[in-house]
């Protein structure tokens, strides 16, 4: 049995209140991981081309307020 399968089996055994705690924890954990990845990608310049394209469109009047 893999680690993930072991975790899945343990989760299946949780009472509702513990499952709710796990959900809250995982949402926070997942959001923090996502934020860290976005920050790393931004620091690595992965969004530079997209931001330059957006700024060029704005400067050329191709953007509109939403």
PDB file of N, CA and C in Angstrom:
ATOM      1  N   UNK A   1       0.861  -1.177   0.000  1.00  0.00           N
ATOM      2  CA  UNK A   1       0.000   0.000   0.000  1.00  0.00           C
ATOM      3  C   UNK A   1       0.908   1.242   0.000  1.00  0.00           C
ATOM      4  N   UNK A   2       0.566   2.219  -0.835  1.00  0.00           N
ATOM      5  CA  UNK A   2       1.350   3.446  -0.911  1.00  0.00           C
ATOM      6  C   UNK A   2       0.991   4.385   0.242  1.00  0.00           C
ATOM      7  N   UNK A   3       1.811   5.389   0.400  1.00  0.00           N
ATOM      8  CA  UNK A   3       1.546   6.394   1.437  1.00  0.00           C
ATOM      9  C   UNK A   3       0.209   7.078   1.183  1.00  0.00           C
ATOM     10  N   UNK A   4      -0.071   7.396  -0.064  1.00  0.00           N
ATOM     11  CA  UNK A   4      -1.329   8.073  -0.388  1.00  0.00           C
ATOM     12  C   UNK A   4      -2.510   7.165  -0.046  1.00  0.00           C
ATOM     13  N   UNK A   5      -2.391   5.902  -0.370  1.00  0.00           N
ATOM     14  CA  UNK A   5      -3.484   4.980  -0.038  1.00  0.00           C
ATOM     15  C   UNK A   5      -3.679   4.877   1.477  1.00  0.00           C
ATOM     16  N   UNK A   6      -2.605   4.887   2.206  1.00  0.00           N
ATOM     17  CA  UNK A   6      -2.693   4.849   3.665  1.00  0.00           C
ATOM     18  C   UNK A   6      -3.400   6.098   4.189  1.00  0.00           C
ATOM     19  N   UNK A   7      -3.040   7.234   3.641  1.00  0.00           N
ATOM     20  CA  UNK A   7      -3.680   8.496   4.046  1.00  0.00           C
ATOM     21  C   UNK A   7      -5.162   8.479   3.685  1.00  0.00           C
ATOM     22  N   UNK A   8      -5.472   7.994   2.486  1.00  0.00           N
ATOM     23  CA  UNK A   8      -6.874   7.915   2.069  1.00  0.00           C
ATOM     24  C   UNK A   8      -7.689   7.065   3.039  1.00  0.00           C
ATOM     25  N   UNK A   9      -7.153   5.907   3.424  1.00  0.00           N
ATOM     26  CA  UNK A   9      -7.859   5.019   4.354  1.00  0.00           C
ATOM     27  C   UNK A   9      -8.055   5.711   5.714  1.00  0.00           C
ATOM     28  N   UNK A  10      -7.035   6.417   6.176  1.00  0.00           N
ATOM     29  CA  UNK A  10      -7.157   7.121   7.452  1.00  0.00           C
ATOM     30  C   UNK A  10      -8.222   8.209   7.365  1.00  0.00           C
ATOM     31  N   UNK A  11      -8.265   8.926   6.251  1.00  0.00           N
ATOM     32  CA  UNK A  11      -9.267   9.985   6.078  1.00  0.00           C
ATOM     33  C   UNK A  11     -10.669   9.408   6.075  1.00  0.00           C
ATOM     34  N   UNK A  12     -10.824   8.260   5.439  1.00  0.00           N
ATOM     35  CA  UNK A  12     -12.144   7.613   5.400  1.00  0.00           C
ATOM     36  C   UNK A  12     -12.662   7.273   6.794  1.00  0.00           C
ATOM     37  N   UNK A  13     -11.746   7.117   7.743  1.00  0.00           N
ATOM     38  CA  UNK A  13     -12.131   6.743   9.105  1.00  0.00           C
ATOM     39  C   UNK A  13     -12.393   7.938  10.016  1.00  0.00           C
ATOM     40  N   UNK A  14     -12.128   9.143   9.534  1.00  0.00           N
ATOM     41  CA  UNK A  14     -12.293  10.324  10.382  1.00  0.00           C
ATOM     42  C   UNK A  14     -13.754  10.603  10.684  1.00  0.00           C
ATOM     43  N   UNK A  15     -14.043  11.006  11.926  1.00  0.00           N
ATOM     44  CA  UNK A  15     -15.397  11.465  12.233  1.00  0.00           C
ATOM     45  C   UNK A  15     -15.626  12.825  11.565  1.00  0.00           C
ATOM     46  N   UNK A  16     -16.872  13.211  11.379  1.00  0.00           N
ATOM     47  CA  UNK A  16     -17.190  14.445  10.648  1.00  0.00           C
ATOM     48  C   UNK A  16     -16.461  15.695  11.152  1.00  0.00           C
ATOM     49  N   UNK A  17     -16.334  15.869  12.464  1.00  0.00           N
ATOM     50  CA  UNK A  17     -15.681  17.079  12.962  1.00  0.00           C
ATOM     51  C   UNK A  17     -14.189  17.075  12.624  1.00  0.00           C
ATOM     52  N   UNK A  18     -13.543  15.929  12.670  1.00  0.00           N
ATOM     53  CA  UNK A  18     -12.133  15.846  12.300  1.00  0.00           C
ATOM     54  C   UNK A  18     -11.949  16.024  10.794  1.00  0.00           C
ATOM     55  N   UNK A  19     -12.889  15.521  10.023  1.00  0.00           N
ATOM     56  CA  UNK A  19     -12.833  15.704   8.573  1.00  0.00           C
ATOM     57  C   UNK A  19     -12.963  17.186   8.219  1.00  0.00           C
ATOM     58  N   UNK A  20     -13.819  17.894   8.930  1.00  0.00           N
ATOM     59  CA  UNK A  20     -13.967  19.333   8.709  1.00  0.00           C
ATOM     60  C   UNK A  20     -12.669  20.067   9.042  1.00  0.00           C
ATOM     61  N   UNK A  21     -12.005  19.673  10.134  1.00  0.00           N
ATOM     62  CA  UNK A  21     -10.719  20.277  10.487  1.00  0.00           C
ATOM     63  C   UNK A  21      -9.690  20.014   9.394  1.00  0.00           C
ATOM     64  N   UNK A  22      -9.669  18.798   8.883  1.00  0.00           N
ATOM     65  CA  UNK A  22      -8.725  18.441   7.821  1.00  0.00           C
ATOM     66  C   UNK A  22      -8.983  19.277   6.574  1.00  0.00           C
ATOM     67  N   UNK A  23     -10.252  19.444   6.212  1.00  0.00           N
ATOM     68  CA  UNK A  23     -10.588  20.261   5.036  1.00  0.00           C
ATOM     69  C   UNK A  23     -10.066  21.686   5.191  1.00  0.00           C
ATOM     70  N   UNK A  24     -10.321  22.281   6.352  1.00  0.00           N
ATOM     71  CA  UNK A  24      -9.853  23.650   6.591  1.00  0.00           C
ATOM     72  C   UNK A  24      -8.336  23.725   6.506  1.00  0.00           C
ATOM     73  N   UNK A  25      -7.667  22.770   7.157  1.00  0.00           N
ATOM     74  CA  UNK A  25      -6.204  22.752   7.126  1.00  0.00           C
ATOM     75  C   UNK A  25      -5.696  22.618   5.698  1.00  0.00           C
ATOM     76  N   UNK A  26      -6.293  21.693   4.936  1.00  0.00           N
ATOM     77  CA  UNK A  26      -5.796  21.461   3.587  1.00  0.00           C
ATOM     78  C   UNK A  26      -6.036  22.670   2.687  1.00  0.00           C
ATOM     79  N   UNK A  27      -7.153  23.338   2.828  1.00  0.00           N
ATOM     80  CA  UNK A  27      -7.403  24.539   2.034  1.00  0.00           C
ATOM     81  C   UNK A  27      -6.333  25.594   2.298  1.00  0.00           C
ATOM     82  N   UNK A  28      -5.989  25.792   3.558  1.00  0.00           N
ATOM     83  CA  UNK A  28      -4.943  26.754   3.909  1.00  0.00           C
ATOM     84  C   UNK A  28      -3.583  26.293   3.384  1.00  0.00           C
ATOM     85  N   UNK A  29      -3.277  25.016   3.541  1.00  0.00           N
ATOM     86  CA  UNK A  29      -2.026  24.447   3.063  1.00  0.00           C
ATOM     87  C   UNK A  29      -1.901  24.603   1.549  1.00  0.00           C
ATOM     88  N   UNK A  30      -2.959  24.267   0.830  1.00  0.00           N
ATOM     89  CA  UNK A  30      -2.956  24.336  -0.625  1.00  0.00           C
ATOM     90  C   UNK A  30      -2.836  25.785  -1.113  1.00  0.00           C
ATOM     91  N   UNK A  31      -3.531  26.700  -0.457  1.00  0.00           N
ATOM     92  CA  UNK A  31      -3.446  28.114  -0.836  1.00  0.00           C
ATOM     93  C   UNK A  31      -2.037  28.649  -0.620  1.00  0.00           C
ATOM     94  N   UNK A  32      -1.401  28.262   0.482  1.00  0.00           N
ATOM     95  CA  UNK A  32      -0.041  28.712   0.751  1.00  0.00           C
ATOM     96  C   UNK A  32       0.931  28.156  -0.286  1.00  0.00           C
ATOM     97  N   UNK A  33       0.745  26.900  -0.671  1.00  0.00           N
ATOM     98  CA  UNK A  33       1.603  26.296  -1.695  1.00  0.00           C
ATOM     99  C   UNK A  33       1.420  27.015  -3.027  1.00  0.00           C
ATOM    100  N   UNK A  34       0.172  27.337  -3.370  1.00  0.00           N
ATOM    101  CA  UNK A  34      -0.123  28.057  -4.619  1.00  0.00           C
ATOM    102  C   UNK A  34       0.539  29.437  -4.596  1.00  0.00           C
ATOM    103  N   UNK A  35       0.391  30.147  -3.488  1.00  0.00           N
ATOM    104  CA  UNK A  35       1.003  31.476  -3.359  1.00  0.00           C
ATOM    105  C   UNK A  35       2.521  31.399  -3.510  1.00  0.00           C
ATOM    106  N   UNK A  36       3.127  30.396  -2.892  1.00  0.00           N
ATOM    107  CA  UNK A  36       4.585  30.237  -2.984  1.00  0.00           C
ATOM    108  C   UNK A  36       5.008  29.974  -4.428  1.00  0.00           C
ATOM    109  N   UNK A  37       4.230  29.167  -5.151  1.00  0.00           N
ATOM    110  CA  UNK A  37       4.561  28.879  -6.545  1.00  0.00           C
ATOM    111  C   UNK A  37       4.431  30.125  -7.409  1.00  0.00           C
ATOM    112  N   UNK A  38       3.382  30.894  -7.206  1.00  0.00           N
ATOM    113  CA  UNK A  38       3.196  32.136  -7.961  1.00  0.00           C
ATOM    114  C   UNK A  38       4.347  33.100  -7.688  1.00  0.00           C
ATOM    115  N   UNK A  39       4.727  33.238  -6.413  1.00  0.00           N
ATOM    116  CA  UNK A  39       5.840  34.123  -6.059  1.00  0.00           C
ATOM    117  C   UNK A  39       7.140  33.662  -6.705  1.00  0.00           C
ATOM    118  N   UNK A  40       7.389  32.353  -6.701  1.00  0.00           N
ATOM    119  CA  UNK A  40       8.608  31.819  -7.320  1.00  0.00           C
ATOM    120  C   UNK A  40       8.598  32.053  -8.824  1.00  0.00           C
ATOM    121  N   UNK A  41       7.451  31.828  -9.456  1.00  0.00           N
ATOM    122  CA  UNK A  41       7.344  32.051 -10.901  1.00  0.00           C
ATOM    123  C   UNK A  41       7.549  33.525 -11.245  1.00  0.00           C
ATOM    124  N   UNK A  42       6.977  34.404 -10.431  1.00  0.00           N
ATOM    125  CA  UNK A  42       7.144  35.839 -10.671  1.00  0.00           C
ATOM    126  C   UNK A  42       8.602  36.249 -10.510  1.00  0.00           C
ATOM    127  N   UNK A  43       9.258  35.750  -9.470  1.00  0.00           N
ATOM    128  CA  UNK A  43      10.659  36.081  -9.236  1.00  0.00           C
ATOM    129  C   UNK A  43      11.555  35.550 -10.352  1.00  0.00           C
ATOM    130  N   UNK A  44      11.140  34.435 -10.963  1.00  0.00           N
ATOM    131  CA  UNK A  44      11.912  33.837 -12.052  1.00  0.00           C
ATOM    132  C   UNK A  44      11.629  34.506 -13.395  1.00  0.00           C
ATOM    133  N   UNK A  45      10.693  35.469 -13.398  1.00  0.00           N
ATOM    134  CA  UNK A  45      10.396  36.201 -14.628  1.00  0.00           C
ATOM    135  C   UNK A  45       9.436  35.501 -15.560  1.00  0.00           C
ATOM    136  N   UNK A  46       8.739  34.484 -15.071  1.00  0.00           N
ATOM    137  CA  UNK A  46       7.845  33.715 -15.938  1.00  0.00           C
ATOM    138  C   UNK A  46       6.633  34.513 -16.415  1.00  0.00           C
ATOM    139  N   UNK A  47       6.337  35.626 -15.758  1.00  0.00           N
ATOM    140  CA  UNK A  47       5.181  36.439 -16.151  1.00  0.00           C
ATOM    141  C   UNK A  47       5.579  37.701 -16.896  1.00  0.00           C
ATOM    142  N   UNK A  48       6.867  37.901 -17.072  1.00  0.00           N
ATOM    143  CA  UNK A  48       7.337  39.143 -17.687  1.00  0.00           C
ATOM    144  C   UNK A  48       6.758  39.373 -19.076  1.00  0.00           C
ATOM    145  N   UNK A  49       6.756  38.353 -19.909  1.00  0.00           N
ATOM    146  CA  UNK A  49       6.241  38.502 -21.276  1.00  0.00           C
ATOM    147  C   UNK A  49       4.754  38.825 -21.254  1.00  0.00           C
ATOM    148  N   UNK A  50       4.020  38.176 -20.371  1.00  0.00           N
ATOM    149  CA  UNK A  50       2.580  38.446 -20.275  1.00  0.00           C
ATOM    150  C   UNK A  50       2.304  39.870 -19.809  1.00  0.00           C
ATOM    151  N   UNK A  51       3.072  40.324 -18.823  1.00  0.00           N
ATOM    152  CA  UNK A  51       2.839  41.684 -18.336  1.00  0.00           C
ATOM    153  C   UNK A  51       3.233  42.717 -19.388  1.00  0.00           C
ATOM    154  N   UNK A  52       4.296  42.461 -20.123  1.00  0.00           N
ATOM    155  CA  UNK A  52       4.689  43.385 -21.188  1.00  0.00           C
ATOM    156  C   UNK A  52       3.627  43.443 -22.282  1.00  0.00           C
ATOM    157  N   UNK A  53       3.067  42.292 -22.610  1.00  0.00           N
ATOM    158  CA  UNK A  53       2.001  42.254 -23.618  1.00  0.00           C
ATOM    159  C   UNK A  53       0.781  43.035 -23.142  1.00  0.00           C
ATOM    160  N   UNK A  54       0.408  42.848 -21.892  1.00  0.00           N
ATOM    161  CA  UNK A  54      -0.744  43.562 -21.342  1.00  0.00           C
ATOM    162  C   UNK A  54      -0.494  45.062 -21.303  1.00  0.00           C
ATOM    163  N   UNK A  55       0.695  45.469 -20.889  1.00  0.00           N
ATOM    164  CA  UNK A  55       1.020  46.897 -20.850  1.00  0.00           C
ATOM    165  C   UNK A  55       1.046  47.506 -22.252  1.00  0.00           C
ATOM    166  N   UNK A  56       1.543  46.763 -23.226  1.00  0.00           N
ATOM    167  CA  UNK A  56       1.561  47.255 -24.603  1.00  0.00           C
ATOM    168  C   UNK A  56       0.139  47.457 -25.114  1.00  0.00           C
ATOM    169  N   UNK A  57      -0.741  46.512 -24.823  1.00  0.00           N
ATOM    170  CA  UNK A  57      -2.138  46.661 -25.241  1.00  0.00           C
ATOM    171  C   UNK A  57      -2.779  47.856 -24.554  1.00  0.00           C
ATOM    172  N   UNK A  58      -2.463  48.064 -23.290  1.00  0.00           N
ATOM    173  CA  UNK A  58      -3.009  49.204 -22.560  1.00  0.00           C
ATOM    174  C   UNK A  58      -2.519  50.509 -23.190  1.00  0.00           C
ATOM    175  N   UNK A  59      -1.221  50.568 -23.467  1.00  0.00           N
ATOM    176  CA  UNK A  59      -0.659  51.784 -24.057  1.00  0.00           C
ATOM    177  C   UNK A  59      -1.241  52.075 -25.445  1.00  0.00           C
ATOM    178  N   UNK A  60      -1.606  51.017 -26.167  1.00  0.00           N
ATOM    179  CA  UNK A  60      -2.158  51.177 -27.515  1.00  0.00           C
ATOM    180  C   UNK A  60      -3.681  51.338 -27.505  1.00  0.00           C
ATOM    181  N   UNK A  61      -4.262  51.492 -26.328  1.00  0.00           N
ATOM    182  CA  UNK A  61      -5.692  51.730 -26.232  1.00  0.00           C
ATOM    183  C   UNK A  61      -6.544  50.491 -26.456  1.00  0.00           C
ATOM    184  N   UNK A  62      -5.951  49.318 -26.368  1.00  0.00           N
ATOM    185  CA  UNK A  62      -6.710  48.089 -26.602  1.00  0.00           C
ATOM    186  C   UNK A  62      -7.308  47.529 -25.322  1.00  0.00           C
ATOM    187  N   UNK A  63      -7.101  48.197 -24.224  1.00  0.00           N
ATOM    188  CA  UNK A  63      -7.644  47.725 -22.939  1.00  0.00           C
ATOM    189  C   UNK A  63      -8.892  48.516 -22.602  1.00  0.00           C
ATOM    190  N   UNK A  64      -9.739  47.887 -21.851  1.00  0.00           N
ATOM    191  CA  UNK A  64     -10.935  48.582 -21.379  1.00  0.00           C
ATOM    192  C   UNK A  64     -11.148  48.224 -19.924  1.00  0.00           C
ATOM    193  N   UNK A  65     -11.770  49.117 -19.204  1.00  0.00           N
ATOM    194  CA  UNK A  65     -12.024  48.889 -17.804  1.00  0.00           C
ATOM    195  C   UNK A  65     -13.134  47.860 -17.651  1.00  0.00           C
ATOM    196  N   UNK A  66     -12.986  47.027 -16.655  1.00  0.00           N
ATOM    197  CA  UNK A  66     -14.037  46.023 -16.425  1.00  0.00           C
ATOM    198  C   UNK A  66     -14.740  46.257 -15.116  1.00  0.00           C
TER     199      UNK A  66
END
